[in-house]
Amino acid sequence: MENIYTAARYYVSGLLVMILITFCWGLGDDAYTTNYTSKVWYEMPYGALQHYFLWVLPYWWLLILIGAGIFTKIAFVFKIISKKYFKN
């Protein structure tokens, strides 16, 4: 049962990392710079979130899920290796 909670924790961490990466990649997109930027500083975060939810997320959701799954597998491999070779 502990492995299920550990896997869920690793998967959620991977999702958060992938969401952050895709958000940063989305800010460099041409659609963001032409359609969602503003001259007013306090409207910029709203435009960035609007661009992310309306443009980036519908196209990159599969990349986010696959990346989080790969992150989970890598984390488990590191956990197994650390238990095997670095026993405390």
N, C-alpha and C. Protein backbone atom coordinates (compact mmCIF):
# COMPACT_ATOMS: atom_id res chain seq x y z
N MET A 1 0.83 -1.20 0.00
CA MET A 1 0.00 0.00 0.00
C MET A 1 0.87 1.26 0.00
N GLU A 2 2.03 1.14 0.60
CA GLU A 2 2.95 2.28 0.64
C GLU A 2 3.44 2.64 -0.75
N ASN A 3 3.63 1.63 -1.61
CA ASN A 3 4.09 1.90 -2.97
C ASN A 3 3.06 2.68 -3.79
N ILE A 4 1.77 2.46 -3.51
CA ILE A 4 0.74 3.20 -4.23
C ILE A 4 0.79 4.68 -3.85
N TYR A 5 0.96 4.97 -2.57
CA TYR A 5 1.05 6.37 -2.14
C TYR A 5 2.33 7.02 -2.65
N THR A 6 3.40 6.25 -2.67
CA THR A 6 4.66 6.78 -3.19
C THR A 6 4.54 7.06 -4.68
N ALA A 7 3.91 6.15 -5.41
CA ALA A 7 3.73 6.36 -6.84
C ALA A 7 2.84 7.57 -7.11
N ALA A 8 1.79 7.71 -6.33
CA ALA A 8 0.90 8.86 -6.50
C ALA A 8 1.64 10.16 -6.20
N ARG A 9 2.47 10.15 -5.18
CA ARG A 9 3.25 11.34 -4.83
C ARG A 9 4.24 11.68 -5.94
N TYR A 10 4.91 10.68 -6.49
CA TYR A 10 5.84 10.91 -7.59
C TYR A 10 5.10 11.39 -8.84
N TYR A 11 3.92 10.82 -9.10
CA TYR A 11 3.17 11.22 -10.29
C TYR A 11 2.68 12.66 -10.18
N VAL A 12 2.18 13.04 -9.02
CA VAL A 12 1.73 14.42 -8.82
C VAL A 12 2.91 15.38 -8.92
N SER A 13 4.06 14.99 -8.35
CA SER A 13 5.25 15.82 -8.49
C SER A 13 5.65 15.96 -9.95
N GLY A 14 5.59 14.88 -10.69
CA GLY A 14 5.89 14.92 -12.11
C GLY A 14 4.92 15.79 -12.88
N LEU A 15 3.64 15.73 -12.52
CA LEU A 15 2.65 16.59 -13.16
C LEU A 15 2.97 18.06 -12.92
N LEU A 16 3.30 18.39 -11.68
CA LEU A 16 3.61 19.78 -11.36
C LEU A 16 4.85 20.26 -12.11
N VAL A 17 5.86 19.42 -12.20
CA VAL A 17 7.07 19.78 -12.93
C VAL A 17 6.75 19.96 -14.42
N MET A 18 5.98 19.05 -14.99
CA MET A 18 5.65 19.16 -16.41
C MET A 18 4.75 20.35 -16.70
N ILE A 19 3.84 20.67 -15.80
CA ILE A 19 2.99 21.86 -15.97
C ILE A 19 3.84 23.11 -15.94
N LEU A 20 4.80 23.16 -15.03
CA LEU A 20 5.69 24.33 -14.95
C LEU A 20 6.54 24.45 -16.22
N ILE A 21 7.07 23.34 -16.71
CA ILE A 21 7.88 23.36 -17.92
C ILE A 21 7.06 23.81 -19.13
N THR A 22 5.85 23.24 -19.29
CA THR A 22 5.03 23.63 -20.44
C THR A 22 4.54 25.06 -20.32
N PHE A 23 4.31 25.54 -19.10
CA PHE A 23 3.92 26.94 -18.92
C PHE A 23 5.05 27.86 -19.37
N CYS A 24 6.27 27.54 -18.99
CA CYS A 24 7.42 28.36 -19.40
C CYS A 24 7.64 28.28 -20.91
N TRP A 25 7.50 27.10 -21.50
CA TRP A 25 7.61 26.97 -22.95
C TRP A 25 6.51 27.75 -23.66
N GLY A 26 5.32 27.74 -23.09
CA GLY A 26 4.20 28.46 -23.69
C GLY A 26 4.39 29.96 -23.70
N LEU A 27 5.14 30.48 -22.74
CA LEU A 27 5.38 31.92 -22.72
C LEU A 27 6.29 32.36 -23.85
N GLY A 28 7.04 31.45 -24.41
CA GLY A 28 7.89 31.77 -25.55
C GLY A 28 7.20 31.59 -26.89
N ASP A 29 5.95 31.22 -26.87
CA ASP A 29 5.21 30.96 -28.10
C ASP A 29 4.83 32.26 -28.79
N ASP A 30 4.78 32.24 -30.11
CA ASP A 30 4.41 33.43 -30.87
C ASP A 30 2.96 33.83 -30.63
N ALA A 31 2.09 32.86 -30.40
CA ALA A 31 0.68 33.19 -30.15
C ALA A 31 0.53 34.00 -28.86
N TYR A 32 1.34 33.70 -27.87
CA TYR A 32 1.28 34.47 -26.63
C TYR A 32 1.76 35.90 -26.84
N THR A 33 2.86 36.06 -27.53
CA THR A 33 3.41 37.40 -27.70
C THR A 33 2.55 38.28 -28.60
N THR A 34 1.79 37.69 -29.53
CA THR A 34 0.96 38.50 -30.41
C THR A 34 -0.46 38.71 -29.90
N ASN A 35 -1.02 37.74 -29.17
CA ASN A 35 -2.44 37.82 -28.80
C ASN A 35 -2.71 38.09 -27.33
N TYR A 36 -1.84 37.68 -26.44
CA TYR A 36 -2.18 37.71 -25.02
C TYR A 36 -1.33 38.66 -24.19
N THR A 37 -0.41 39.38 -24.77
CA THR A 37 0.38 40.33 -24.00
C THR A 37 -0.38 41.65 -23.88
N SER A 38 0.03 42.43 -22.89
CA SER A 38 -0.63 43.70 -22.64
C SER A 38 0.42 44.71 -22.20
N LYS A 39 0.09 45.97 -22.37
CA LYS A 39 1.00 47.04 -21.94
C LYS A 39 0.90 47.28 -20.43
N VAL A 40 -0.18 46.83 -19.83
CA VAL A 40 -0.41 47.03 -18.40
C VAL A 40 0.18 45.84 -17.64
N TRP A 41 1.01 46.11 -16.63
CA TRP A 41 1.76 45.04 -15.96
C TRP A 41 0.87 44.07 -15.21
N TYR A 42 -0.24 44.55 -14.63
CA TYR A 42 -1.07 43.65 -13.82
C TYR A 42 -1.99 42.79 -14.67
N GLU A 43 -2.07 43.02 -15.97
CA GLU A 43 -2.85 42.16 -16.85
C GLU A 43 -2.01 41.05 -17.47
N MET A 44 -0.70 41.11 -17.32
CA MET A 44 0.18 40.10 -17.91
C MET A 44 -0.03 38.71 -17.32
N PRO A 45 -0.13 38.54 -15.97
CA PRO A 45 -0.37 37.18 -15.46
C PRO A 45 -1.70 36.60 -15.94
N TYR A 46 -2.72 37.43 -16.03
CA TYR A 46 -4.01 36.95 -16.54
C TYR A 46 -3.88 36.49 -17.99
N GLY A 47 -3.18 37.26 -18.80
CA GLY A 47 -2.96 36.87 -20.18
C GLY A 47 -2.15 35.59 -20.31
N ALA A 48 -1.16 35.44 -19.43
CA ALA A 48 -0.34 34.22 -19.46
C ALA A 48 -1.17 33.00 -19.09
N LEU A 49 -2.01 33.11 -18.05
CA LEU A 49 -2.85 31.98 -17.67
C LEU A 49 -3.91 31.69 -18.72
N GLN A 50 -4.45 32.74 -19.30
CA GLN A 50 -5.44 32.56 -20.37
C GLN A 50 -4.80 31.84 -21.56
N HIS A 51 -3.61 32.24 -21.92
CA HIS A 51 -2.91 31.57 -23.02
C HIS A 51 -2.62 30.12 -22.66
N TYR A 52 -2.21 29.85 -21.44
CA TYR A 52 -1.89 28.49 -21.04
C TYR A 52 -3.12 27.58 -21.10
N PHE A 53 -4.24 28.04 -20.53
CA PHE A 53 -5.43 27.19 -20.47
C PHE A 53 -6.17 27.09 -21.81
N LEU A 54 -6.08 28.12 -22.64
CA LEU A 54 -6.82 28.09 -23.89
C LEU A 54 -6.01 27.64 -25.09
N TRP A 55 -4.68 27.72 -25.00
CA TRP A 55 -3.86 27.40 -26.16
C TRP A 55 -2.88 26.27 -25.88
N VAL A 56 -2.13 26.36 -24.81
CA VAL A 56 -1.07 25.37 -24.54
C VAL A 56 -1.64 24.06 -24.04
N LEU A 57 -2.47 24.11 -23.01
CA LEU A 57 -2.97 22.89 -22.38
C LEU A 57 -3.77 21.99 -23.33
N PRO A 58 -4.65 22.52 -24.19
CA PRO A 58 -5.36 21.61 -25.10
C PRO A 58 -4.45 20.87 -26.08
N TYR A 59 -3.30 21.42 -26.39
CA TYR A 59 -2.41 20.77 -27.35
C TYR A 59 -1.32 19.93 -26.68
N TRP A 60 -0.95 20.26 -25.46
CA TRP A 60 0.18 19.60 -24.81
C TRP A 60 -0.22 18.70 -23.65
N TRP A 61 -1.50 18.40 -23.48
CA TRP A 61 -1.91 17.60 -22.33
C TRP A 61 -1.32 16.19 -22.37
N LEU A 62 -1.20 15.62 -23.56
CA LEU A 62 -0.65 14.27 -23.67
C LEU A 62 0.84 14.27 -23.31
N LEU A 63 1.57 15.29 -23.74
CA LEU A 63 2.98 15.42 -23.37
C LEU A 63 3.15 15.53 -21.86
N ILE A 64 2.25 16.26 -21.21
CA ILE A 64 2.32 16.43 -19.76
C ILE A 64 2.10 15.09 -19.05
N LEU A 65 1.09 14.34 -19.47
CA LEU A 65 0.80 13.05 -18.83
C LEU A 65 1.91 12.04 -19.06
N ILE A 66 2.43 11.97 -20.28
CA ILE A 66 3.52 11.02 -20.58
C ILE A 66 4.78 11.41 -19.82
N GLY A 67 5.10 12.69 -19.77
CA GLY A 67 6.27 13.15 -19.03
C GLY A 67 6.16 12.85 -17.54
N ALA A 68 4.96 13.01 -16.98
CA ALA A 68 4.77 12.68 -15.56
C ALA A 68 4.93 11.18 -15.32
N GLY A 69 4.46 10.36 -16.26
CA GLY A 69 4.65 8.91 -16.14
C GLY A 69 6.10 8.51 -16.21
N ILE A 70 6.85 9.14 -17.11
CA ILE A 70 8.28 8.87 -17.21
C ILE A 70 9.00 9.31 -15.95
N PHE A 71 8.63 10.46 -15.42
CA PHE A 71 9.20 10.94 -14.15
C PHE A 71 8.95 9.94 -13.03
N THR A 72 7.74 9.37 -12.98
CA THR A 72 7.40 8.39 -11.95
C THR A 72 8.27 7.14 -12.08
N LYS A 73 8.45 6.65 -13.30
CA LYS A 73 9.29 5.46 -13.51
C LYS A 73 10.74 5.73 -13.11
N ILE A 74 11.26 6.88 -13.49
CA ILE A 74 12.65 7.22 -13.14
C ILE A 74 12.81 7.35 -11.63
N ALA A 75 11.82 7.95 -10.96
CA ALA A 75 11.90 8.09 -9.51
C ALA A 75 11.90 6.73 -8.82
N PHE A 76 11.08 5.79 -9.31
CA PHE A 76 11.07 4.45 -8.73
C PHE A 76 12.39 3.72 -8.97
N VAL A 77 12.98 3.90 -10.13
CA VAL A 77 14.27 3.26 -10.40
C VAL A 77 15.33 3.80 -9.45
N PHE A 78 15.35 5.12 -9.27
CA PHE A 78 16.30 5.70 -8.33
C PHE A 78 16.05 5.24 -6.89
N LYS A 79 14.78 5.06 -6.53
CA LYS A 79 14.46 4.58 -5.20
C LYS A 79 14.95 3.14 -5.01
N ILE A 80 14.77 2.29 -6.01
CA ILE A 80 15.22 0.90 -5.93
C ILE A 80 16.74 0.83 -5.86
N ILE A 81 17.40 1.63 -6.70
CA ILE A 81 18.87 1.65 -6.69
C ILE A 81 19.40 2.17 -5.36
N SER A 82 18.79 3.20 -4.82
CA SER A 82 19.28 3.74 -3.55
C SER A 82 19.05 2.76 -2.41
N LYS A 83 17.95 2.01 -2.42
CA LYS A 83 17.73 1.01 -1.38
C LYS A 83 18.72 -0.15 -1.50
N LYS A 84 19.06 -0.51 -2.74
CA LYS A 84 19.95 -1.66 -2.95
C LYS A 84 21.39 -1.34 -2.61
N TYR A 85 21.87 -0.18 -3.03
CA TYR A 85 23.30 0.12 -2.90
C TYR A 85 23.65 1.05 -1.74
N PHE A 86 22.70 1.79 -1.24
CA PHE A 86 22.98 2.75 -0.16
C PHE A 86 22.12 2.46 1.05
N LYS A 87 22.29 1.29 1.61
CA LYS A 87 21.51 0.89 2.78
C LYS A 87 22.00 1.66 4.00
N ASN A 88 21.04 2.13 4.78
CA ASN A 88 21.39 2.85 6.02
C ASN A 88 21.09 2.00 7.22
